[in-house]
Amino acid sequence: MISDLEQRAGRVRLLLMDCDGVLTNGGLINVPGADGKMVETKVFDSQDGIALQWLNWHGVQTGVISGRVSPATEERARQVKMTYVYQGHIEKIPILEEIAQKSGILLDETAYIGDDLTDVVCMRRVGLGIATANAREEVKRAAHYVTAASGGSGAVREVCELLLKSQNRWVDILRKYEAE
């Protein structure tokens, strides 16, 4: 018998997420740039990155909706081939709706990973709402699934594997790397 979670994950064609606290542990690092001004940077998990590329290979689009604006986020999104990158948006519903319209993908076929209160509104509107292990309790209560891993420490990888397994694509990944 297939579970509700597996059914929801099996329908996902678009995975959206917050950045800070999801793709990162939420920490912000300021370092001096060449001009002496401070530049913000972030630490991203390499296993999250490759898993996002696997989704891309299997036709699942990805994107980030972040309240902060950061060149590090833009670069990471480019590296992992995200389709949608929206920064500087604390009000996320209009962005979610815009992405749905642009992509032609139904909200029921969309998953969203969040960790803070600004993410709950998106999680409640998509087919699969996900909270990271380090998420606020209010966010966890709104989620269909809470990851075992924290943001920036494999939470996104965990979600990507869930999606690939629910869509019977995980075996393709294992075969590719001779790991089955």
Protein backbone atom coordinates (compact mmCIF):
# COMPACT_ATOMS: atom_id res chain seq x y z
CA MET A 1 0.00 0.00 0.00
CA ILE A 2 1.40 3.37 -1.02
CA SER A 3 1.40 5.99 1.74
CA ASP A 4 -0.04 9.50 1.46
CA LEU A 5 3.52 10.89 1.57
CA GLU A 6 4.64 8.63 -1.31
CA GLN A 7 1.57 9.63 -3.35
CA ARG A 8 2.26 13.31 -2.80
CA ALA A 9 5.99 12.91 -3.57
CA GLY A 10 5.20 10.83 -6.64
CA ARG A 11 3.27 13.73 -8.22
CA VAL A 12 5.97 16.40 -7.70
CA ARG A 13 7.22 18.08 -10.88
CA LEU A 14 8.50 21.25 -9.20
CA LEU A 15 10.50 21.58 -5.97
CA LEU A 16 10.72 25.07 -4.48
CA MET A 17 12.50 26.07 -1.30
CA ASP A 18 13.65 28.84 0.95
CA CYS A 19 17.41 29.43 1.11
CA ASP A 20 18.59 30.34 4.62
CA GLY A 21 17.83 27.46 6.97
CA VAL A 22 17.05 25.09 4.05
CA LEU A 23 19.93 25.22 1.56
CA THR A 24 22.13 26.56 4.37
CA ASN A 25 22.17 26.19 8.14
CA GLY A 26 20.92 29.78 8.37
CA GLY A 27 24.32 31.26 9.19
CA LEU A 28 25.52 34.31 7.29
CA ILE A 29 29.24 34.89 6.86
CA ASN A 30 30.60 38.37 6.16
CA VAL A 31 34.09 38.61 4.68
CA PRO A 32 36.00 41.61 3.34
CA GLY A 33 35.89 41.95 -0.43
CA ALA A 34 38.73 43.20 -2.62
CA ASP A 35 37.47 46.76 -2.16
CA GLY A 36 37.44 46.42 1.65
CA LYS A 37 33.64 46.36 1.88
CA MET A 38 32.00 43.42 3.57
CA VAL A 39 30.57 40.70 1.34
CA GLU A 40 28.03 38.14 2.53
CA THR A 41 28.61 34.50 1.75
CA LYS A 42 27.02 31.22 2.77
CA VAL A 43 27.95 27.56 3.17
CA PHE A 44 26.03 25.08 1.00
CA ASP A 45 25.97 21.28 1.25
CA SER A 46 27.60 19.50 -1.73
CA GLN A 47 25.31 16.45 -1.44
CA ASP A 48 22.25 18.72 -1.63
CA GLY A 49 23.74 20.17 -4.82
CA ILE A 50 24.22 16.94 -6.71
CA ALA A 51 20.76 15.72 -5.69
CA LEU A 52 19.18 18.89 -7.11
CA GLN A 53 20.94 18.15 -10.40
CA TRP A 54 19.55 14.59 -10.35
CA LEU A 55 16.04 16.02 -10.12
CA ASN A 56 16.81 18.18 -13.12
CA TRP A 57 17.95 15.10 -15.09
CA HIS A 58 14.60 13.48 -14.33
CA GLY A 59 12.46 16.45 -15.35
CA VAL A 60 11.74 17.91 -11.92
CA GLN A 61 12.26 21.68 -11.96
CA THR A 62 13.69 23.43 -8.91
CA GLY A 63 13.78 26.93 -7.52
CA VAL A 64 14.40 29.17 -4.55
CA ILE A 65 12.23 31.90 -3.03
CA SER A 66 14.25 33.84 -0.47
CA GLY A 67 13.55 36.87 1.65
CA ARG A 68 17.22 37.90 1.49
CA VAL A 69 19.18 39.04 -1.55
CA SER A 70 22.59 37.40 -1.86
CA PRO A 71 24.99 36.85 -4.76
CA ALA A 72 25.95 33.56 -3.07
CA THR A 73 22.37 32.31 -3.45
CA GLU A 74 22.28 33.35 -7.10
CA GLU A 75 25.54 31.52 -7.80
CA ARG A 76 24.46 28.37 -5.97
CA ALA A 77 21.19 28.31 -7.89
CA ARG A 78 23.16 28.58 -11.15
CA GLN A 79 25.53 25.79 -10.10
CA VAL A 80 22.71 23.34 -9.34
CA LYS A 81 20.71 24.41 -12.41
CA MET A 82 17.66 25.82 -10.65
CA THR A 83 14.97 27.06 -13.00
CA TYR A 84 13.58 29.76 -10.69
CA VAL A 85 15.48 32.19 -8.45
CA TYR A 86 13.55 34.87 -6.58
CA GLN A 87 15.27 36.90 -3.88
CA GLY A 88 14.15 39.78 -1.67
CA HIS A 89 10.61 38.44 -1.27
CA ILE A 90 9.30 38.03 2.27
CA GLU A 91 5.76 37.85 0.85
CA LYS A 92 6.07 34.58 -1.01
CA ILE A 93 2.52 33.82 -2.21
CA PRO A 94 2.68 36.14 -5.27
CA ILE A 95 6.01 34.54 -6.25
CA LEU A 96 4.64 31.02 -5.80
CA GLU A 97 1.67 31.92 -8.02
CA GLU A 98 3.94 33.53 -10.63
CA ILE A 99 6.15 30.43 -10.78
CA ALA A 100 3.08 28.18 -11.10
CA GLN A 101 1.84 30.30 -14.00
CA LYS A 102 5.24 30.43 -15.75
CA SER A 103 5.91 26.71 -15.31
CA GLY A 104 2.42 25.48 -16.09
CA ILE A 105 2.82 23.09 -13.15
CA LEU A 106 -0.12 22.77 -10.77
CA LEU A 107 0.40 23.63 -7.10
CA ASP A 108 -0.71 20.06 -6.34
CA GLU A 109 2.37 18.90 -8.30
CA THR A 110 4.67 21.25 -6.38
CA ALA A 111 6.67 20.68 -3.19
CA TYR A 112 8.03 23.43 -0.96
CA ILE A 113 10.75 23.14 1.71
CA GLY A 114 10.80 25.74 4.48
CA ASP A 115 12.07 26.42 7.96
CA ASP A 116 10.47 29.66 9.17
CA LEU A 117 7.08 31.33 9.44
CA THR A 118 7.31 33.08 6.05
CA ASP A 119 7.38 29.63 4.42
CA VAL A 120 4.16 28.25 5.93
CA VAL A 121 1.94 30.10 3.46
CA CYS A 122 3.66 28.33 0.55
CA MET A 123 3.68 24.97 2.31
CA ARG A 124 -0.09 25.16 2.84
CA ARG A 125 -0.74 25.81 -0.87
CA VAL A 126 1.35 23.05 -2.46
CA GLY A 127 0.84 19.32 -2.78
CA LEU A 128 3.80 18.50 -0.52
CA GLY A 129 4.86 20.88 2.25
CA ILE A 130 8.18 20.00 3.89
CA ALA A 131 9.88 21.37 7.00
CA THR A 132 13.55 20.90 7.81
CA ALA A 133 14.59 19.34 11.12
CA ASN A 134 15.79 22.77 12.28
CA ALA A 135 12.49 24.46 11.38
CA ARG A 136 10.34 26.36 13.86
CA GLU A 137 7.76 24.15 15.57
CA GLU A 138 4.92 26.06 13.88
CA VAL A 139 6.44 25.21 10.50
CA LYS A 140 6.81 21.53 11.39
CA ARG A 141 3.13 21.38 12.38
CA ALA A 142 2.15 22.73 8.94
CA ALA A 143 4.29 20.18 7.06
CA HIS A 144 3.31 16.90 5.42
CA TYR A 145 6.90 15.77 6.06
CA VAL A 146 9.71 16.85 8.41
CA THR A 147 13.23 15.92 7.36
CA ALA A 148 15.58 14.07 9.71
CA ALA A 149 18.43 16.30 8.48
CA SER A 150 18.77 20.01 9.18
CA GLY A 151 18.96 22.70 6.53
CA GLY A 152 22.47 22.97 5.11
CA SER A 153 23.25 19.47 6.38
CA GLY A 154 21.46 17.21 3.92
CA ALA A 155 17.78 18.17 4.26
CA VAL A 156 17.47 18.98 0.56
CA ARG A 157 19.28 15.75 -0.37
CA GLU A 158 16.83 13.82 1.82
CA VAL A 159 13.88 15.42 0.01
CA CYS A 160 15.39 14.81 -3.44
CA GLU A 161 15.88 11.14 -2.59
CA LEU A 162 12.28 10.92 -1.32
CA LEU A 163 11.02 12.36 -4.61
CA LEU A 164 13.24 10.14 -6.77
CA LYS A 165 12.28 7.01 -4.82
CA SER A 166 8.56 7.85 -4.94
CA GLN A 167 8.83 8.38 -8.70
CA ASN A 168 10.74 5.11 -9.21
CA ARG A 169 13.85 7.01 -10.37
CA TRP A 170 16.22 6.26 -7.50
CA VAL A 171 17.29 2.95 -9.03
CA ASP A 172 18.40 4.91 -12.15
CA ILE A 173 20.72 6.99 -9.96
CA LEU A 174 22.11 3.91 -8.22
CA ARG A 175 22.73 2.18 -11.56
CA LYS A 176 24.46 5.25 -13.00
CA TYR A 177 26.99 5.20 -10.17
CA GLU A 178 27.18 1.39 -9.96
CA ALA A 179 25.88 1.58 -6.39
CA GLU A 180 22.86 -0.71 -6.57
